[in-house]
Amino acid sequence: MPKILIVDSDLNTVEQLQQLFAGEGYEVLTAVTGQGGVQLAHVHRPSLVLLDVDLPDVDGYGVCRALRGAASTAQVPILIYSARTEVADKVAGFKAGANDYIVKPTAPAELVARVKAALRSEEHALAHAVALWGAKGGVGTTTVASNLAVALQAKTGKAGKRVALLDASVLGGTLGVVLNLAPRRTIADLLPRLDDLDAELLASVLTTHSSGVRVLLSMPWSKDGDSVHAAQFERILDWLQGATDYVVVDTSPSLDESTTAVLQHADQVIVVLTPEMTSLRNARVFFQAVESWGEPAGKFLLALNRYPAKGGIQLKDVEGALHRRVEIEIPGDEPLVTFSINRGIPLFMSHPRSPVAQGYARLAEAVVAAAAKKQAGATSKATLG
């Protein structure tokens, strides 16, 4: 249920708006001061803020700037609803970061329509999140994830798209190794500040790779497998989705609470397996487990890595055992891949014409297609709604 925060010092207006939007099926939060509105927004993370300018403490422009300056609310639609009618007031509102400026009073039907339009725009803005899950350790998930992110940046960067890569493997994630990155900040630096995420913090913890991909790495080694909890990963993913266009997540080959939360949160899950029996067995167990999640079948994409392999299971047998089609085959080239990892240069950059790199390119194309399909579905839903 979308959540609307109303910040207005006029109690009669607050009551009328509360009744109006509650009747439309929205959850409504209210504040009568600017500071109270900012605090509620940070705690409850509303879907939209309806904001008056004339408040008893901080004016609405100051509230708008404060919300835009914090990562947790930077992407939230803000509609100023004010009795001020001067052009200068409207310009000040837009300069402060408002999405719309509505002069009160206005007809309830128009106000509701403009709120719905702003909410539809926000739905379209969130990045497409794709999580990679390996059927077991050693199937090459991290290598695939890093090359996928680089391929996405190469394919979409000219259009101004931004790609983030998150290492969600808390037990000694190795993305930093395969990308030859040694950042001063990691995901551990975010944990104490999850309620105070802002653009400055984002810039300080994301390391920009030479490809243009922005990377958030895990701790070098965690003594506590639960050091990053499920809710924390979801907050971080929300944050990255609000600041980028694609988020690629490398996960651990398990189904613990944190990994499950990431996979459920993602728009798309790429299951990486190799053509051998232990990998195939674990993939079957995985798909049996996710049946209870109620996720659409189209959310999951099978990527068969290092195929074909001498003595390996045949493609038709993999598909028959899993009752799913393998959508992407990535050929094996152990010397080339090992050379790439040891140099810390993604193979998609060093050998873009190699068959392996072309497999990563096809995977990136599949992700772009899924993102476009999601966007088209959201647009169709918004039009019908």
Protein backbone atom coordinates (compact mmCIF):
# COMPACT_ATOMS: atom_id res chain seq x y z
CA MET A 1 0.00 0.00 0.00
CA PRO A 2 1.51 3.39 -1.01
CA LYS A 3 2.28 5.62 1.96
CA ILE A 4 1.69 9.38 1.78
CA LEU A 5 3.22 11.83 4.25
CA ILE A 6 1.30 15.11 4.65
CA VAL A 7 3.26 17.99 6.19
CA ASP A 8 0.97 20.93 6.90
CA SER A 9 0.41 23.08 10.00
CA ASP A 10 -3.29 23.68 9.20
CA LEU A 11 -5.12 20.97 11.13
CA ASN A 12 -8.29 21.35 9.06
CA THR A 13 -6.33 20.83 5.85
CA VAL A 14 -4.52 17.84 7.35
CA GLU A 15 -7.81 16.23 8.35
CA GLN A 16 -9.37 16.79 4.91
CA LEU A 17 -6.35 15.40 3.08
CA GLN A 18 -6.14 12.46 5.42
CA GLN A 19 -9.75 11.52 4.72
CA LEU A 20 -9.30 12.08 0.97
CA PHE A 21 -6.27 9.83 0.54
CA ALA A 22 -7.37 7.22 3.05
CA GLY A 23 -10.53 6.91 0.97
CA GLU A 24 -8.34 6.27 -2.09
CA GLY A 25 -6.65 3.36 -0.31
CA TYR A 26 -3.43 5.06 0.76
CA GLU A 27 -1.76 4.84 4.15
CA VAL A 28 -1.49 8.40 5.48
CA LEU A 29 1.08 9.88 7.85
CA THR A 30 0.85 13.46 9.08
CA ALA A 31 3.15 16.08 10.58
CA VAL A 32 2.44 19.71 11.51
CA THR A 33 6.07 20.89 11.60
CA GLY A 34 8.90 20.71 9.13
CA GLN A 35 11.27 18.93 11.47
CA GLY A 36 8.55 16.45 12.40
CA GLY A 37 7.97 15.76 8.72
CA VAL A 38 11.67 15.12 8.05
CA GLN A 39 11.88 12.74 11.01
CA LEU A 40 8.79 10.81 9.93
CA ALA A 41 10.12 10.55 6.38
CA HIS A 42 13.43 9.06 7.55
CA VAL A 43 11.71 6.54 9.81
CA HIS A 44 8.76 5.49 7.60
CA ARG A 45 10.14 6.16 4.10
CA PRO A 46 6.87 7.30 2.48
CA SER A 47 6.00 6.75 -1.17
CA LEU A 48 5.23 10.47 -1.59
CA VAL A 49 5.34 13.69 0.44
CA LEU A 50 2.65 16.38 0.18
CA LEU A 51 4.24 19.50 1.65
CA ASP A 52 3.06 22.98 2.57
CA VAL A 53 5.50 25.90 2.45
CA ASP A 54 4.31 27.83 5.50
CA LEU A 55 5.34 25.78 8.51
CA PRO A 56 6.01 26.98 12.07
CA ASP A 57 9.69 26.00 12.18
CA VAL A 58 11.45 25.19 8.89
CA ASP A 59 9.69 26.32 5.72
CA GLY A 60 8.68 23.80 3.09
CA TYR A 61 11.64 24.66 0.87
CA GLY A 62 14.03 23.75 3.68
CA VAL A 63 12.16 20.51 4.29
CA CYS A 64 12.36 19.68 0.59
CA ARG A 65 16.12 20.29 0.51
CA ALA A 66 16.61 18.15 3.62
CA LEU A 67 14.68 15.25 2.08
CA ARG A 68 16.58 15.52 -1.20
CA GLY A 69 19.88 15.50 0.69
CA ALA A 70 19.30 12.13 2.37
CA ALA A 71 19.64 8.96 0.28
CA SER A 72 16.67 7.28 1.98
CA THR A 73 14.33 10.04 0.72
CA ALA A 74 16.28 11.50 -2.22
CA GLN A 75 14.06 9.78 -4.81
CA VAL A 76 10.72 10.21 -3.02
CA PRO A 77 8.27 12.38 -5.02
CA ILE A 78 7.65 15.69 -3.24
CA LEU A 79 4.59 17.75 -4.14
CA ILE A 80 4.36 21.25 -2.68
CA TYR A 81 0.76 22.13 -1.85
CA SER A 82 0.69 25.80 -0.96
CA ALA A 83 -1.54 28.88 -0.98
CA ARG A 84 1.36 30.93 -2.32
CA THR A 85 0.66 31.80 -5.95
CA GLU A 86 3.61 33.94 -7.03
CA VAL A 87 5.89 32.67 -9.78
CA ALA A 88 8.88 33.22 -7.48
CA ASP A 89 7.37 30.85 -4.92
CA LYS A 90 6.89 28.15 -7.53
CA VAL A 91 10.41 28.59 -8.86
CA ALA A 92 11.78 28.33 -5.31
CA GLY A 93 9.88 25.08 -4.86
CA PHE A 94 11.32 23.51 -7.97
CA LYS A 95 14.81 24.73 -7.11
CA ALA A 96 14.46 23.06 -3.71
CA GLY A 97 13.75 19.76 -5.48
CA ALA A 98 9.95 19.52 -5.64
CA ASN A 99 8.45 17.34 -8.38
CA ASP A 100 5.32 19.49 -8.64
CA TYR A 101 3.81 22.67 -7.22
CA ILE A 102 0.07 22.72 -6.61
CA VAL A 103 -1.76 25.85 -5.54
CA LYS A 104 -4.32 25.26 -2.81
CA PRO A 105 -7.19 24.91 -2.67
CA THR A 106 -7.61 22.62 -5.64
CA ALA A 107 -10.30 20.15 -6.60
CA PRO A 108 -9.87 16.83 -4.75
CA ALA A 109 -10.04 14.86 -8.00
CA GLU A 110 -7.21 16.90 -9.52
CA LEU A 111 -5.08 16.58 -6.38
CA VAL A 112 -5.53 12.80 -6.35
CA ALA A 113 -4.72 12.60 -10.06
CA ARG A 114 -1.49 14.54 -9.63
CA VAL A 115 -0.45 12.40 -6.69
CA LYS A 116 -1.07 9.24 -8.70
CA ALA A 117 0.90 10.63 -11.64
CA ALA A 118 3.86 11.39 -9.36
CA LEU A 119 3.72 7.90 -7.87
CA ARG A 120 3.71 6.32 -11.33
CA SER A 121 6.79 8.33 -12.29
CA GLU A 122 8.60 7.15 -9.17
CA GLU A 123 7.76 3.52 -9.91
CA HIS A 124 9.51 3.88 -13.26
CA ALA A 125 12.63 5.41 -11.75
CA LEU A 126 13.84 2.48 -9.66
CA ALA A 127 16.83 0.58 -10.99
CA HIS A 128 16.48 -2.96 -12.30
CA ALA A 129 18.05 -5.22 -9.67
CA VAL A 130 19.49 -8.55 -10.83
CA ALA A 131 20.93 -11.03 -8.34
CA LEU A 132 23.24 -13.90 -9.30
CA TRP A 133 23.05 -17.13 -7.31
CA GLY A 134 25.52 -19.98 -7.86
CA ALA A 135 24.36 -23.58 -7.58
CA LYS A 136 27.53 -24.25 -5.58
CA GLY A 137 30.86 -22.68 -4.82
CA GLY A 138 33.22 -22.68 -7.77
CA VAL A 139 30.69 -22.40 -10.61
CA GLY A 140 32.03 -18.93 -11.46
CA THR A 141 29.25 -16.74 -10.08
CA THR A 142 31.53 -13.87 -9.08
CA THR A 143 33.29 -13.87 -12.45
CA VAL A 144 29.94 -13.87 -14.25
CA ALA A 145 28.57 -11.11 -12.00
CA SER A 146 31.56 -8.81 -12.50
CA ASN A 147 31.63 -9.31 -16.28
CA LEU A 148 27.86 -8.86 -16.49
CA ALA A 149 28.10 -5.51 -14.71
CA VAL A 150 30.90 -4.37 -17.02
CA ALA A 151 28.95 -5.54 -20.09
CA LEU A 152 25.82 -3.69 -18.89
CA GLN A 153 27.83 -0.50 -18.40
CA ALA A 154 29.33 -0.84 -21.87
CA LYS A 155 25.94 -1.43 -23.49
CA THR A 156 23.95 1.23 -21.63
CA GLY A 157 26.53 3.80 -20.53
CA LYS A 158 26.28 5.87 -23.71
CA ALA A 159 22.60 6.35 -22.91
CA GLY A 160 23.57 7.75 -19.52
CA LYS A 161 22.71 4.63 -17.55
CA ARG A 162 24.52 3.87 -14.28
CA VAL A 163 25.45 0.38 -13.12
CA ALA A 164 26.22 -0.60 -9.52
CA LEU A 165 27.74 -3.90 -8.41
CA LEU A 166 27.11 -5.13 -4.86
CA ASP A 167 29.03 -7.91 -3.14
CA ALA A 168 26.41 -9.57 -0.95
CA SER A 169 28.62 -12.51 -0.03
CA VAL A 170 29.51 -11.52 3.55
CA LEU A 171 31.90 -14.42 4.11
CA GLY A 172 34.98 -13.24 2.28
CA GLY A 173 33.47 -11.94 -0.97
CA THR A 174 36.03 -11.81 -3.78
CA LEU A 175 34.70 -9.15 -6.15
CA GLY A 176 37.53 -6.87 -5.08
CA VAL A 177 40.05 -9.48 -6.20
CA VAL A 178 38.60 -10.15 -9.64
CA LEU A 179 38.30 -6.39 -10.26
CA ASN A 180 41.67 -5.52 -8.69
CA LEU A 181 40.04 -3.07 -6.27
CA ALA A 182 41.25 -2.27 -2.78
CA PRO A 183 38.81 0.34 -1.47
CA ARG A 184 39.11 2.11 1.85
CA ARG A 185 35.38 1.72 2.49
CA THR A 186 33.16 -1.38 2.38
CA ILE A 187 29.62 -2.34 3.22
CA ALA A 188 30.67 -2.38 6.89
CA ASP A 189 30.93 1.43 6.79
CA LEU A 190 27.24 1.67 5.88
CA LEU A 191 25.80 -0.46 8.65
CA PRO A 192 25.96 2.17 11.45
CA ARG A 193 24.48 4.81 9.11
CA LEU A 194 21.56 3.08 7.40
CA ASP A 195 19.16 5.71 8.77
CA ASP A 196 21.34 8.53 7.48
CA LEU A 197 22.20 7.51 3.92
CA ASP A 198 22.93 10.47 1.68
CA ALA A 199 24.65 11.32 -1.59
CA GLU A 200 27.94 12.15 0.14
CA LEU A 201 28.04 8.79 1.88
CA LEU A 202 27.16 7.07 -1.39
CA ALA A 203 30.12 8.70 -3.12
CA SER A 204 32.46 7.72 -0.29
CA VAL A 205 31.65 3.99 -0.14
CA LEU A 206 31.21 3.20 -3.83
CA THR A 207 34.47 2.55 -5.67
CA THR A 208 34.38 3.42 -9.36
CA HIS A 209 35.96 0.74 -11.54
CA SER A 210 37.78 1.71 -14.74
CA SER A 211 34.77 0.39 -16.69
CA GLY A 212 32.54 2.97 -15.01
CA VAL A 213 30.78 0.41 -12.81
CA ARG A 214 30.39 1.59 -9.21
CA VAL A 215 31.18 -1.18 -6.75
CA LEU A 216 30.17 -1.72 -3.12
CA LEU A 217 32.35 -4.45 -1.65
CA SER A 218 31.84 -6.69 1.35
CA MET A 219 34.22 -6.90 4.27
CA PRO A 220 37.44 -8.85 3.48
CA TRP A 221 36.31 -11.56 5.84
CA SER A 222 33.46 -11.75 8.31
CA LYS A 223 33.65 -13.79 11.48
CA ASP A 224 29.89 -13.61 11.78
CA GLY A 225 27.85 -14.86 8.84
CA ASP A 226 24.89 -12.78 10.05
CA SER A 227 26.87 -9.54 10.28
CA VAL A 228 24.71 -8.03 7.54
CA HIS A 229 21.09 -8.83 8.28
CA ALA A 230 18.32 -9.29 5.74
CA ALA A 231 16.65 -5.95 6.52
CA GLN A 232 20.00 -4.17 6.16
CA PHE A 233 20.60 -5.65 2.72
CA GLU A 234 17.12 -4.57 1.66
CA ARG A 235 17.81 -1.00 2.82
CA ILE A 236 21.10 -0.94 0.91
CA LEU A 237 19.45 -2.34 -2.21
CA ASP A 238 16.66 0.24 -2.01
CA TRP A 239 19.30 2.92 -1.72
CA LEU A 240 21.28 1.69 -4.72
CA GLN A 241 18.12 1.28 -6.79
CA GLY A 242 17.25 4.90 -6.13
CA ALA A 243 20.67 6.12 -7.24
CA THR A 244 21.41 3.95 -10.31
CA ASP A 245 19.74 2.26 -13.29
CA TYR A 246 21.01 -1.31 -12.89
CA VAL A 247 22.12 -3.07 -9.71
CA VAL A 248 23.99 -6.37 -10.09
CA VAL A 249 24.29 -8.40 -6.88
CA ASP A 250 26.77 -11.23 -6.32
CA THR A 251 25.39 -13.56 -3.63
CA SER A 252 26.75 -16.55 -1.74
CA PRO A 253 25.76 -20.12 -2.75
CA SER A 254 23.37 -20.57 0.17
CA LEU A 255 19.80 -19.81 1.09
CA ASP A 256 20.37 -18.17 4.44
CA GLU A 257 18.09 -15.36 5.57
CA SER A 258 20.16 -12.56 4.07
CA THR A 259 20.67 -14.24 0.69
CA THR A 260 16.99 -15.15 0.52
CA ALA A 261 16.04 -11.52 1.22
CA VAL A 262 18.29 -10.31 -1.60
CA LEU A 263 16.92 -12.87 -4.07
CA GLN A 264 13.32 -12.03 -3.17
CA HIS A 265 14.01 -8.30 -3.41
CA ALA A 266 15.63 -8.55 -6.85
CA ASP A 267 13.64 -8.01 -10.03
CA GLN A 268 15.52 -10.85 -11.72
CA VAL A 269 17.57 -13.81 -10.49
CA ILE A 270 20.25 -15.46 -12.62
CA VAL A 271 20.99 -19.01 -11.48
CA VAL A 272 24.53 -19.94 -12.49
CA LEU A 273 25.37 -23.63 -12.79
CA THR A 274 27.91 -25.82 -14.54
CA PRO A 275 27.24 -29.08 -16.45
CA GLU A 276 28.07 -31.49 -13.62
CA MET A 277 25.98 -33.47 -11.20
CA THR A 278 26.52 -31.63 -7.88
CA SER A 279 25.69 -28.29 -9.48
CA LEU A 280 22.61 -29.74 -11.13
CA ARG A 281 21.44 -31.34 -7.88
CA ASN A 282 21.76 -28.06 -5.97
CA ALA A 283 19.92 -26.16 -8.68
CA ARG A 284 17.03 -28.62 -8.37
CA VAL A 285 16.94 -28.12 -4.60
CA PHE A 286 17.01 -24.35 -5.13
CA PHE A 287 14.02 -24.34 -7.47
CA GLN A 288 12.08 -26.60 -5.11
CA ALA A 289 12.75 -24.11 -2.30
CA VAL A 290 11.72 -21.00 -4.25
CA GLU A 291 8.37 -22.50 -5.22
CA SER A 292 7.10 -21.42 -1.79
CA TRP A 293 8.08 -17.79 -2.46
CA GLY A 294 5.30 -17.28 -4.96
CA GLU A 295 7.63 -15.60 -7.45
CA PRO A 296 6.76 -15.51 -11.18
CA ALA A 297 8.64 -18.14 -13.17
CA GLY A 298 9.96 -15.47 -15.53
CA LYS A 299 11.98 -13.91 -12.73
CA PHE A 300 14.55 -16.73 -12.90
CA LEU A 301 17.06 -17.12 -15.73
CA LEU A 302 19.31 -20.16 -16.10
CA ALA A 303 22.90 -19.49 -17.16
CA LEU A 304 24.94 -22.62 -17.92
CA ASN A 305 28.58 -21.70 -17.39
CA ARG A 306 31.59 -23.54 -18.90
CA TYR A 307 29.45 -25.35 -21.46
CA PRO A 308 30.17 -27.62 -23.20
CA ALA A 309 32.64 -29.48 -21.02
CA LYS A 310 34.46 -32.73 -21.71
CA GLY A 311 32.52 -35.44 -19.86
CA GLY A 312 29.91 -32.86 -18.75
CA ILE A 313 26.14 -33.26 -18.70
CA GLN A 314 24.42 -32.42 -21.98
CA LEU A 315 22.20 -29.36 -22.34
CA LYS A 316 19.03 -31.36 -22.97
CA ASP A 317 19.65 -33.38 -19.83
CA VAL A 318 20.18 -30.23 -17.72
CA GLU A 319 16.92 -28.77 -19.00
CA GLY A 320 15.09 -32.05 -18.53
CA ALA A 321 16.24 -32.43 -14.94
CA LEU A 322 15.29 -28.86 -14.01
CA HIS A 323 12.16 -28.64 -16.19
CA ARG A 324 13.45 -25.25 -17.30
CA ARG A 325 15.07 -23.86 -20.40
CA VAL A 326 18.70 -22.77 -20.24
CA GLU A 327 18.57 -19.25 -21.68
CA ILE A 328 22.28 -18.43 -21.73
CA GLU A 329 25.24 -20.71 -22.43
CA ILE A 330 28.67 -19.36 -21.54
CA PRO A 331 31.53 -21.40 -23.01
CA GLY A 332 34.50 -22.44 -20.94
CA ASP A 333 38.05 -21.21 -21.45
CA GLU A 334 39.91 -21.95 -18.23
CA PRO A 335 43.31 -20.51 -19.25
CA LEU A 336 41.80 -17.24 -20.46
CA VAL A 337 39.44 -16.83 -17.49
CA THR A 338 42.23 -17.65 -15.02
CA PHE A 339 44.53 -15.17 -16.73
CA SER A 340 41.80 -12.51 -16.50
CA ILE A 341 41.15 -13.13 -12.81
CA ASN A 342 44.86 -13.10 -11.93
CA ARG A 343 45.30 -9.77 -13.71
CA GLY A 344 42.17 -8.31 -12.11
CA ILE A 345 40.79 -7.25 -15.50
CA PRO A 346 37.32 -8.50 -16.48
CA LEU A 347 37.52 -10.67 -19.57
CA PHE A 348 34.76 -8.61 -21.22
CA MET A 349 37.27 -5.72 -21.24
CA SER A 350 40.49 -7.57 -22.04
CA HIS A 351 39.13 -10.02 -24.65
CA PRO A 352 35.74 -8.66 -25.78
CA ARG A 353 35.65 -10.79 -28.95
CA SER A 354 36.32 -14.09 -27.19
CA PRO A 355 33.48 -16.64 -27.09
CA VAL A 356 33.35 -16.30 -23.28
CA ALA A 357 32.96 -12.52 -23.47
CA GLN A 358 30.24 -12.94 -26.08
CA GLY A 359 28.41 -15.17 -23.60
CA TYR A 360 28.56 -12.34 -21.05
CA ALA A 361 27.28 -9.97 -23.73
CA ARG A 362 24.26 -12.20 -24.38
CA LEU A 363 23.57 -12.30 -20.66
CA ALA A 364 23.68 -8.50 -20.50
CA GLU A 365 21.26 -8.31 -23.43
CA ALA A 366 18.87 -10.62 -21.57
CA VAL A 367 19.03 -8.36 -18.49
CA VAL A 368 18.39 -5.23 -20.57
CA ALA A 369 15.42 -6.97 -22.20
CA ALA A 370 14.01 -7.95 -18.79
CA ALA A 371 14.39 -4.38 -17.54
CA ALA A 372 12.60 -3.06 -20.62
CA LYS A 373 9.80 -5.59 -20.12
CA LYS A 374 9.43 -4.51 -16.50
CA GLN A 375 9.30 -0.87 -17.57
CA ALA A 376 6.71 -1.62 -20.24
CA GLY A 377 4.60 -3.54 -17.74
CA ALA A 378 4.76 -0.68 -15.24
CA THR A 379 3.80 1.81 -17.94
CA SER A 380 0.87 -0.34 -19.07
CA LYS A 381 -0.30 -0.77 -15.50
CA ALA A 382 -0.04 2.96 -14.87
CA THR A 383 -2.04 3.72 -18.03
CA LEU A 384 -4.77 1.27 -17.10
CA GLY A 385 -4.82 2.60 -13.53
